[in-house]
Amino acid sequence: MTDYYGPAPYYWWNWNDQGSSYVTGCTNGVFYTDTNQKGHSQGFAGNQAQYLDGQGLRLPNDSLSSIRISYGC
């Protein structure tokens, strides 16, 4: 993952595109396959856990390039 849009993180992040799952806590937003919030997207809601496995409307494993956080805790 190369792009982050949203509230400032509380610590430094080390991004790569190797996401296979996620847990959101109280945060919601959108994952994108391309930089600058472009390409295929997958929204996520608060208190959600999901695999990135390409099934249904989910993005494929290891395909994340950017994320937009709409609401943070």
PDB file of N, CA and C in Angstrom:
ATOM      1  N   MET A   1       0.855  -1.162   0.000  1.00  0.00           N
ATOM      2  CA  MET A   1       0.000   0.000   0.000  1.00  0.00           C
ATOM      3  C   MET A   1       0.902   1.225   0.000  1.00  0.00           C
ATOM      4  N   THR A   2       0.662   2.113  -0.919  1.00  0.00           N
ATOM      5  CA  THR A   2       1.545   3.272  -1.049  1.00  0.00           C
ATOM      6  C   THR A   2       0.907   4.583  -0.631  1.00  0.00           C
ATOM      7  N   ASP A   3      -0.420   4.663  -0.595  1.00  0.00           N
ATOM      8  CA  ASP A   3      -1.108   5.913  -0.257  1.00  0.00           C
ATOM      9  C   ASP A   3      -2.020   5.727   0.941  1.00  0.00           C
ATOM     10  N   TYR A   4      -2.041   6.752   1.798  1.00  0.00           N
ATOM     11  CA  TYR A   4      -2.927   6.769   2.957  1.00  0.00           C
ATOM     12  C   TYR A   4      -3.647   8.104   2.982  1.00  0.00           C
ATOM     13  N   TYR A   5      -4.971   8.079   3.079  1.00  0.00           N
ATOM     14  CA  TYR A   5      -5.769   9.305   3.152  1.00  0.00           C
ATOM     15  C   TYR A   5      -6.646   9.215   4.395  1.00  0.00           C
ATOM     16  N   GLY A   6      -6.537  10.154   5.290  1.00  0.00           N
ATOM     17  CA  GLY A   6      -7.362  10.150   6.480  1.00  0.00           C
ATOM     18  C   GLY A   6      -6.651  10.793   7.643  1.00  0.00           C
ATOM     19  N   PRO A   7      -7.146  10.544   8.861  1.00  0.00           N
ATOM     20  CA  PRO A   7      -6.513  11.108  10.060  1.00  0.00           C
ATOM     21  C   PRO A   7      -5.060  10.666  10.166  1.00  0.00           C
ATOM     22  N   ALA A   8      -4.249  11.512  10.753  1.00  0.00           N
ATOM     23  CA  ALA A   8      -2.832  11.162  10.925  1.00  0.00           C
ATOM     24  C   ALA A   8      -2.698   9.919  11.792  1.00  0.00           C
ATOM     25  N   PRO A   9      -1.898   8.950  11.340  1.00  0.00           N
ATOM     26  CA  PRO A   9      -1.687   7.761  12.173  1.00  0.00           C
ATOM     27  C   PRO A   9      -0.952   8.135  13.461  1.00  0.00           C
ATOM     28  N   TYR A  10      -1.166   7.349  14.468  1.00  0.00           N
ATOM     29  CA  TYR A  10      -0.537   7.629  15.759  1.00  0.00           C
ATOM     30  C   TYR A  10       0.912   7.161  15.815  1.00  0.00           C
ATOM     31  N   TYR A  11       1.348   6.400  14.846  1.00  0.00           N
ATOM     32  CA  TYR A  11       2.741   5.961  14.766  1.00  0.00           C
ATOM     33  C   TYR A  11       3.076   5.723  13.299  1.00  0.00           C
ATOM     34  N   TRP A  12       4.359   5.555  13.017  1.00  0.00           N
ATOM     35  CA  TRP A  12       4.790   5.367  11.629  1.00  0.00           C
ATOM     36  C   TRP A  12       4.356   4.008  11.112  1.00  0.00           C
ATOM     37  N   TRP A  13       3.931   3.979   9.869  1.00  0.00           N
ATOM     38  CA  TRP A  13       3.452   2.761   9.225  1.00  0.00           C
ATOM     39  C   TRP A  13       4.469   2.282   8.206  1.00  0.00           C
ATOM     40  N   ASN A  14       4.568   0.988   8.046  1.00  0.00           N
ATOM     41  CA  ASN A  14       5.382   0.393   7.003  1.00  0.00           C
ATOM     42  C   ASN A  14       4.430  -0.285   6.028  1.00  0.00           C
ATOM     43  N   TRP A  15       4.169   0.348   4.889  1.00  0.00           N
ATOM     44  CA  TRP A  15       3.148  -0.144   3.968  1.00  0.00           C
ATOM     45  C   TRP A  15       3.732  -1.085   2.936  1.00  0.00           C
ATOM     46  N   ASN A  16       2.969  -2.086   2.575  1.00  0.00           N
ATOM     47  CA  ASN A  16       3.205  -2.903   1.386  1.00  0.00           C
ATOM     48  C   ASN A  16       1.846  -3.380   0.899  1.00  0.00           C
ATOM     49  N   ASP A  17       1.800  -4.074  -0.218  1.00  0.00           N
ATOM     50  CA  ASP A  17       0.512  -4.484  -0.779  1.00  0.00           C
ATOM     51  C   ASP A  17       0.126  -5.900  -0.358  1.00  0.00           C
ATOM     52  N   GLN A  18       0.738  -6.426   0.669  1.00  0.00           N
ATOM     53  CA  GLN A  18       0.564  -7.827   1.029  1.00  0.00           C
ATOM     54  C   GLN A  18      -0.525  -8.056   2.066  1.00  0.00           C
ATOM     55  N   GLY A  19      -1.639  -7.370   1.902  1.00  0.00           N
ATOM     56  CA  GLY A  19      -2.763  -7.576   2.809  1.00  0.00           C
ATOM     57  C   GLY A  19      -3.551  -8.821   2.447  1.00  0.00           C
ATOM     58  N   SER A  20      -3.847  -9.649   3.434  1.00  0.00           N
ATOM     59  CA  SER A  20      -4.681 -10.827   3.175  1.00  0.00           C
ATOM     60  C   SER A  20      -5.956 -10.803   4.008  1.00  0.00           C
ATOM     61  N   SER A  21      -6.001  -9.937   5.021  1.00  0.00           N
ATOM     62  CA  SER A  21      -7.194  -9.802   5.853  1.00  0.00           C
ATOM     63  C   SER A  21      -7.101  -8.489   6.617  1.00  0.00           C
ATOM     64  N   TYR A  22      -8.203  -8.126   7.270  1.00  0.00           N
ATOM     65  CA  TYR A  22      -8.187  -6.905   8.077  1.00  0.00           C
ATOM     66  C   TYR A  22      -9.213  -7.002   9.202  1.00  0.00           C
ATOM     67  N   VAL A  23      -8.977  -6.218  10.248  1.00  0.00           N
ATOM     68  CA  VAL A  23      -9.906  -6.024  11.358  1.00  0.00           C
ATOM     69  C   VAL A  23      -9.964  -4.517  11.574  1.00  0.00           C
ATOM     70  N   THR A  24     -11.167  -3.942  11.645  1.00  0.00           N
ATOM     71  CA  THR A  24     -11.273  -2.494  11.622  1.00  0.00           C
ATOM     72  C   THR A  24     -11.413  -1.803  12.974  1.00  0.00           C
ATOM     73  N   GLY A  25     -11.865  -2.447  13.991  1.00  0.00           N
ATOM     74  CA  GLY A  25     -12.142  -1.719  15.225  1.00  0.00           C
ATOM     75  C   GLY A  25     -13.260  -0.721  14.971  1.00  0.00           C
ATOM     76  N   CYS A  26     -13.063   0.555  15.316  1.00  0.00           N
ATOM     77  CA  CYS A  26     -14.130   1.549  15.120  1.00  0.00           C
ATOM     78  C   CYS A  26     -13.886   2.417  13.885  1.00  0.00           C
ATOM     79  N   THR A  27     -13.021   1.993  12.980  1.00  0.00           N
ATOM     80  CA  THR A  27     -12.667   2.766  11.802  1.00  0.00           C
ATOM     81  C   THR A  27     -13.408   2.257  10.571  1.00  0.00           C
ATOM     82  N   ASN A  28     -13.810   3.165   9.680  1.00  0.00           N
ATOM     83  CA  ASN A  28     -14.364   2.737   8.398  1.00  0.00           C
ATOM     84  C   ASN A  28     -13.723   3.522   7.267  1.00  0.00           C
ATOM     85  N   GLY A  29     -13.837   2.999   6.051  1.00  0.00           N
ATOM     86  CA  GLY A  29     -13.219   3.650   4.898  1.00  0.00           C
ATOM     87  C   GLY A  29     -13.262   2.771   3.673  1.00  0.00           C
ATOM     88  N   VAL A  30     -12.257   2.937   2.807  1.00  0.00           N
ATOM     89  CA  VAL A  30     -12.215   2.222   1.534  1.00  0.00           C
ATOM     90  C   VAL A  30     -10.781   1.811   1.213  1.00  0.00           C
ATOM     91  N   PHE A  31     -10.605   0.569   0.753  1.00  0.00           N
ATOM     92  CA  PHE A  31      -9.344   0.094   0.195  1.00  0.00           C
ATOM     93  C   PHE A  31      -9.405   0.242  -1.324  1.00  0.00           C
ATOM     94  N   TYR A  32      -8.272   0.537  -1.966  1.00  0.00           N
ATOM     95  CA  TYR A  32      -8.192   0.661  -3.424  1.00  0.00           C
ATOM     96  C   TYR A  32      -7.024  -0.165  -3.961  1.00  0.00           C
ATOM     97  N   THR A  33      -7.176  -0.642  -5.205  1.00  0.00           N
ATOM     98  CA  THR A  33      -6.107  -1.424  -5.826  1.00  0.00           C
ATOM     99  C   THR A  33      -5.054  -0.547  -6.489  1.00  0.00           C
ATOM    100  N   ASP A  34      -5.357   0.712  -6.775  1.00  0.00           N
ATOM    101  CA  ASP A  34      -4.402   1.622  -7.400  1.00  0.00           C
ATOM    102  C   ASP A  34      -4.142   2.810  -6.485  1.00  0.00           C
ATOM    103  N   THR A  35      -3.062   3.516  -6.743  1.00  0.00           N
ATOM    104  CA  THR A  35      -2.730   4.698  -5.961  1.00  0.00           C
ATOM    105  C   THR A  35      -3.733   5.815  -6.220  1.00  0.00           C
ATOM    106  N   ASN A  36      -3.712   6.812  -5.368  1.00  0.00           N
ATOM    107  CA  ASN A  36      -4.564   7.995  -5.489  1.00  0.00           C
ATOM    108  C   ASN A  36      -6.056   7.663  -5.475  1.00  0.00           C
ATOM    109  N   GLN A  37      -6.431   6.653  -4.689  1.00  0.00           N
ATOM    110  CA  GLN A  37      -7.831   6.253  -4.518  1.00  0.00           C
ATOM    111  C   GLN A  37      -8.495   5.892  -5.845  1.00  0.00           C
ATOM    112  N   LYS A  38      -7.798   5.136  -6.678  1.00  0.00           N
ATOM    113  CA  LYS A  38      -8.316   4.711  -7.979  1.00  0.00           C
ATOM    114  C   LYS A  38      -8.268   3.200  -8.084  1.00  0.00           C
ATOM    115  N   GLY A  39      -8.873   2.684  -9.129  1.00  0.00           N
ATOM    116  CA  GLY A  39      -8.916   1.252  -9.362  1.00  0.00           C
ATOM    117  C   GLY A  39     -10.112   0.621  -8.662  1.00  0.00           C
ATOM    118  N   HIS A  40     -10.109  -0.680  -8.571  1.00  0.00           N
ATOM    119  CA  HIS A  40     -11.181  -1.383  -7.868  1.00  0.00           C
ATOM    120  C   HIS A  40     -11.136  -1.006  -6.392  1.00  0.00           C
ATOM    121  N   SER A  41     -12.296  -1.005  -5.759  1.00  0.00           N
ATOM    122  CA  SER A  41     -12.353  -0.588  -4.360  1.00  0.00           C
ATOM    123  C   SER A  41     -13.191  -1.559  -3.531  1.00  0.00           C
ATOM    124  N   GLN A  42     -12.944  -1.529  -2.248  1.00  0.00           N
ATOM    125  CA  GLN A  42     -13.712  -2.319  -1.284  1.00  0.00           C
ATOM    126  C   GLN A  42     -13.894  -1.482  -0.037  1.00  0.00           C
ATOM    127  N   GLY A  43     -15.143  -1.155   0.273  1.00  0.00           N
ATOM    128  CA  GLY A  43     -15.420  -0.414   1.491  1.00  0.00           C
ATOM    129  C   GLY A  43     -15.352  -1.323   2.709  1.00  0.00           C
ATOM    130  N   PHE A  44     -15.094  -0.716   3.847  1.00  0.00           N
ATOM    131  CA  PHE A  44     -15.119  -1.468   5.102  1.00  0.00           C
ATOM    132  C   PHE A  44     -15.781  -0.638   6.186  1.00  0.00           C
ATOM    133  N   ALA A  45     -16.486  -1.315   7.063  1.00  0.00           N
ATOM    134  CA  ALA A  45     -17.220  -0.675   8.152  1.00  0.00           C
ATOM    135  C   ALA A  45     -16.516  -0.919   9.479  1.00  0.00           C
ATOM    136  N   GLY A  46     -16.940  -0.190  10.493  1.00  0.00           N
ATOM    137  CA  GLY A  46     -16.399  -0.397  11.827  1.00  0.00           C
ATOM    138  C   GLY A  46     -16.760  -1.771  12.371  1.00  0.00           C
ATOM    139  N   ASN A  47     -15.898  -2.281  13.224  1.00  0.00           N
ATOM    140  CA  ASN A  47     -16.100  -3.581  13.875  1.00  0.00           C
ATOM    141  C   ASN A  47     -16.323  -4.703  12.863  1.00  0.00           C
ATOM    142  N   GLN A  48     -15.448  -4.751  11.878  1.00  0.00           N
ATOM    143  CA  GLN A  48     -15.555  -5.748  10.816  1.00  0.00           C
ATOM    144  C   GLN A  48     -14.229  -6.498  10.688  1.00  0.00           C
ATOM    145  N   ALA A  49     -14.316  -7.772  10.406  1.00  0.00           N
ATOM    146  CA  ALA A  49     -13.141  -8.596  10.102  1.00  0.00           C
ATOM    147  C   ALA A  49     -13.438  -9.322   8.801  1.00  0.00           C
ATOM    148  N   GLN A  50     -12.489  -9.322   7.879  1.00  0.00           N
ATOM    149  CA  GLN A  50     -12.743  -9.887   6.558  1.00  0.00           C
ATOM    150  C   GLN A  50     -11.440 -10.321   5.905  1.00  0.00           C
ATOM    151  N   TYR A  51     -11.523 -11.307   5.043  1.00  0.00           N
ATOM    152  CA  TYR A  51     -10.385 -11.709   4.219  1.00  0.00           C
ATOM    153  C   TYR A  51     -10.388 -10.907   2.923  1.00  0.00           C
ATOM    154  N   LEU A  52      -9.220 -10.695   2.371  1.00  0.00           N
ATOM    155  CA  LEU A  52      -9.071 -10.160   1.024  1.00  0.00           C
ATOM    156  C   LEU A  52      -8.748 -11.364   0.146  1.00  0.00           C
ATOM    157  N   ASP A  53      -9.782 -11.959  -0.424  1.00  0.00           N
ATOM    158  CA  ASP A  53      -9.602 -13.217  -1.152  1.00  0.00           C
ATOM    159  C   ASP A  53     -10.198 -13.205  -2.553  1.00  0.00           C
ATOM    160  N   GLY A  54     -10.695 -12.042  -3.008  1.00  0.00           N
ATOM    161  CA  GLY A  54     -11.245 -11.938  -4.346  1.00  0.00           C
ATOM    162  C   GLY A  54     -12.628 -12.547  -4.520  1.00  0.00           C
ATOM    163  N   GLN A  55     -13.223 -13.042  -3.465  1.00  0.00           N
ATOM    164  CA  GLN A  55     -14.555 -13.643  -3.551  1.00  0.00           C
ATOM    165  C   GLN A  55     -15.632 -12.567  -3.430  1.00  0.00           C
ATOM    166  N   GLY A  56     -16.715 -12.733  -4.164  1.00  0.00           N
ATOM    167  CA  GLY A  56     -17.791 -11.742  -4.107  1.00  0.00           C
ATOM    168  C   GLY A  56     -17.284 -10.375  -4.526  1.00  0.00           C
ATOM    169  N   LEU A  57     -17.500  -9.368  -3.702  1.00  0.00           N
ATOM    170  CA  LEU A  57     -17.033  -8.015  -3.999  1.00  0.00           C
ATOM    171  C   LEU A  57     -15.724  -7.675  -3.291  1.00  0.00           C
ATOM    172  N   ARG A  58     -15.077  -8.681  -2.680  1.00  0.00           N
ATOM    173  CA  ARG A  58     -13.825  -8.417  -1.961  1.00  0.00           C
ATOM    174  C   ARG A  58     -12.645  -8.324  -2.932  1.00  0.00           C
ATOM    175  N   LEU A  59     -11.666  -7.493  -2.573  1.00  0.00           N
ATOM    176  CA  LEU A  59     -10.457  -7.365  -3.383  1.00  0.00           C
ATOM    177  C   LEU A  59      -9.609  -8.620  -3.260  1.00  0.00           C
ATOM    178  N   PRO A  60      -8.778  -8.903  -4.264  1.00  0.00           N
ATOM    179  CA  PRO A  60      -7.882 -10.052  -4.187  1.00  0.00           C
ATOM    180  C   PRO A  60      -6.775  -9.850  -3.148  1.00  0.00           C
ATOM    181  N   ASN A  61      -6.241 -10.934  -2.676  1.00  0.00           N
ATOM    182  CA  ASN A  61      -5.099 -10.941  -1.770  1.00  0.00           C
ATOM    183  C   ASN A  61      -3.921 -10.201  -2.423  1.00  0.00           C
ATOM    184  N   ASP A  62      -3.190  -9.456  -1.633  1.00  0.00           N
ATOM    185  CA  ASP A  62      -1.978  -8.751  -2.079  1.00  0.00           C
ATOM    186  C   ASP A  62      -2.233  -7.768  -3.220  1.00  0.00           C
ATOM    187  N   SER A  63      -3.350  -7.045  -3.178  1.00  0.00           N
ATOM    188  CA  SER A  63      -3.658  -6.107  -4.261  1.00  0.00           C
ATOM    189  C   SER A  63      -3.849  -4.668  -3.792  1.00  0.00           C
ATOM    190  N   LEU A  64      -3.604  -4.366  -2.526  1.00  0.00           N
ATOM    191  CA  LEU A  64      -3.888  -3.028  -1.993  1.00  0.00           C
ATOM    192  C   LEU A  64      -2.815  -2.023  -2.383  1.00  0.00           C
ATOM    193  N   SER A  65      -3.252  -0.833  -2.799  1.00  0.00           N
ATOM    194  CA  SER A  65      -2.305   0.241  -3.089  1.00  0.00           C
ATOM    195  C   SER A  65      -2.610   1.515  -2.308  1.00  0.00           C
ATOM    196  N   SER A  66      -3.878   1.740  -1.954  1.00  0.00           N
ATOM    197  CA  SER A  66      -4.193   2.922  -1.154  1.00  0.00           C
ATOM    198  C   SER A  66      -5.399   2.645  -0.273  1.00  0.00           C
ATOM    199  N   ILE A  67      -5.524   3.484   0.747  1.00  0.00           N
ATOM    200  CA  ILE A  67      -6.618   3.366   1.708  1.00  0.00           C
ATOM    201  C   ILE A  67      -7.093   4.769   2.069  1.00  0.00           C
ATOM    202  N   ARG A  68      -8.396   4.908   2.213  1.00  0.00           N
ATOM    203  CA  ARG A  68      -8.975   6.170   2.699  1.00  0.00           C
ATOM    204  C   ARG A  68      -9.747   5.867   3.967  1.00  0.00           C
ATOM    205  N   ILE A  69      -9.404   6.542   5.033  1.00  0.00           N
ATOM    206  CA  ILE A  69     -10.104   6.395   6.310  1.00  0.00           C
ATOM    207  C   ILE A  69     -11.161   7.495   6.384  1.00  0.00           C
ATOM    208  N   SER A  70     -12.426   7.099   6.424  1.00  0.00           N
ATOM    209  CA  SER A  70     -13.509   8.073   6.492  1.00  0.00           C
ATOM    210  C   SER A  70     -13.775   8.512   7.926  1.00  0.00           C
ATOM    211  N   TYR A  71     -13.633   7.595   8.843  1.00  0.00           N
ATOM    212  CA  TYR A  71     -13.893   7.895  10.245  1.00  0.00           C
ATOM    213  C   TYR A  71     -12.929   7.087  11.090  1.00  0.00           C
ATOM    214  N   GLY A  72     -12.283   7.735  12.014  1.00  0.00           N
ATOM    215  CA  GLY A  72     -11.389   7.059  12.948  1.00  0.00           C
ATOM    216  C   GLY A  72     -11.889   7.260  14.367  1.00  0.00           C
ATOM    217  N   CYS A  73     -11.434   6.473  15.243  1.00  0.00           N
ATOM    218  CA  CYS A  73     -11.847   6.514  16.653  1.00  0.00           C
ATOM    219  C   CYS A  73     -11.499   7.855  17.287  1.00  0.00           C
TER     220      CYS A  73
END
